[in-house]
Amino acid sequence: MENILTLQQLKDLPPGIFASGIVPNSPEGIYMTTHREGDNLIWVASRGRIHDWAIYVTWAESGREFALSNGDKVRGEVNIKKLVPCDGEAFEMYRY
């Protein structure tokens, strides 16, 4: 995958996790709660059965698979594009 996810790249990906990472729980990263500010969050981007996709986030100690099955869906456009830079066509396929 190039630096920016395109619709064609999304179509070419198999279903499942295609990107992941660790970010701080902070206003500069992805923010979940002040209660655990500074703790790390794990996020996973997953393609669905069709070429739609979503990003899920949870506390880092929970792991990727837990994030995928039980994490909170990232909903804000700024945060989505912060984690997975994408063009307009790929962004339109984001599953809210």
Protein backbone atom coordinates (compact mmCIF):
# COMPACT_ATOMS: atom_id res chain seq x y z
CA MET A 1 0.00 0.00 0.00
CA GLU A 2 1.30 3.46 -0.85
CA ASN A 3 1.25 6.28 1.68
CA ILE A 4 -2.33 7.23 0.76
CA LEU A 5 -5.03 4.56 0.52
CA THR A 6 -6.83 4.68 -2.82
CA LEU A 7 -10.07 3.03 -3.87
CA GLN A 8 -8.19 0.66 -6.17
CA GLN A 9 -5.84 -0.40 -3.36
CA LEU A 10 -8.86 -0.96 -1.12
CA LYS A 11 -10.49 -3.15 -3.79
CA ASP A 12 -7.27 -5.16 -4.15
CA LEU A 13 -6.93 -5.87 -0.41
CA PRO A 14 -8.23 -9.13 1.05
CA PRO A 15 -10.81 -8.84 3.83
CA GLY A 16 -9.33 -8.38 7.30
CA ILE A 17 -6.78 -6.17 9.01
CA PHE A 18 -4.63 -4.22 6.56
CA ALA A 19 -3.05 -1.63 8.87
CA SER A 20 -2.53 -1.12 12.59
CA GLY A 21 -0.55 0.92 15.03
CA ILE A 22 -0.12 2.34 18.50
CA VAL A 23 -0.98 5.96 19.36
CA PRO A 24 -1.14 7.84 22.64
CA ASN A 25 -4.46 8.56 24.27
CA SER A 26 -4.15 12.32 24.05
CA PRO A 27 -5.69 15.28 22.26
CA GLU A 28 -2.77 15.09 19.79
CA GLY A 29 -3.30 11.38 19.15
CA ILE A 30 -6.65 9.62 19.33
CA TYR A 31 -8.55 10.65 22.44
CA MET A 32 -10.74 8.25 24.40
CA THR A 33 -10.83 9.55 27.99
CA THR A 34 -8.99 11.83 30.40
CA HIS A 35 -9.02 8.99 32.95
CA ARG A 36 -6.18 7.24 31.13
CA GLU A 37 -4.58 10.14 29.28
CA GLY A 38 -1.07 9.23 28.21
CA ASP A 39 -1.77 5.49 27.97
CA ASN A 40 -1.36 3.91 24.56
CA LEU A 41 -4.17 2.89 22.26
CA ILE A 42 -4.00 0.22 19.59
CA TRP A 43 -5.92 0.71 16.35
CA VAL A 44 -6.66 -1.60 13.46
CA ALA A 45 -7.99 -0.80 10.01
CA SER A 46 -9.99 -3.62 8.49
CA ARG A 47 -11.48 -4.18 5.05
CA GLY A 48 -14.93 -5.76 4.97
CA ARG A 49 -16.22 -8.47 2.63
CA ILE A 50 -16.92 -5.82 0.03
CA HIS A 51 -14.45 -2.96 -0.40
CA ASP A 52 -15.69 -1.02 2.61
CA TRP A 53 -13.52 -0.50 5.67
CA ALA A 54 -13.41 0.78 9.23
CA ILE A 55 -10.93 1.54 12.01
CA TYR A 56 -11.34 0.25 15.56
CA VAL A 57 -9.44 1.40 18.65
CA THR A 58 -8.98 0.19 22.22
CA TRP A 59 -6.35 0.13 24.98
CA ALA A 60 -3.03 -1.20 23.69
CA GLU A 61 -2.77 -4.04 26.20
CA SER A 62 -5.91 -5.57 24.68
CA GLY A 63 -4.27 -6.44 21.35
CA ARG A 64 -5.19 -6.28 17.68
CA GLU A 65 -7.80 -9.04 17.58
CA PHE A 66 -9.64 -7.60 20.59
CA ALA A 67 -9.58 -4.17 18.95
CA LEU A 68 -11.09 -5.64 15.79
CA SER A 69 -13.89 -7.50 17.56
CA ASN A 70 -14.59 -5.21 20.54
CA GLY A 71 -12.92 -1.85 19.91
CA ASP A 72 -14.62 1.49 19.47
CA LYS A 73 -15.15 2.53 15.86
CA VAL A 74 -13.26 5.69 14.92
CA ARG A 75 -15.87 8.10 13.56
CA GLY A 76 -14.31 11.50 13.00
CA GLU A 77 -12.92 12.25 9.54
CA VAL A 78 -9.83 13.96 10.97
CA ASN A 79 -8.99 10.94 13.14
CA ILE A 80 -9.72 8.46 10.35
CA LYS A 81 -7.37 10.27 7.96
CA LYS A 82 -4.79 10.73 10.73
CA LEU A 83 -4.56 6.96 11.15
CA VAL A 84 -5.06 5.90 7.52
CA PRO A 85 -4.38 8.68 5.02
CA CYS A 86 -6.76 8.09 2.12
CA ASP A 87 -8.11 9.78 -0.95
CA GLY A 88 -11.72 10.92 -1.29
CA GLU A 89 -12.93 7.78 -3.07
CA ALA A 90 -11.45 5.46 -0.43
CA PHE A 91 -12.82 7.66 2.34
CA GLU A 92 -16.33 7.39 0.85
CA MET A 93 -16.12 3.63 1.42
CA TYR A 94 -15.54 4.06 5.17
CA ARG A 95 -18.21 2.15 7.10
CA TYR A 96 -19.62 4.31 9.90
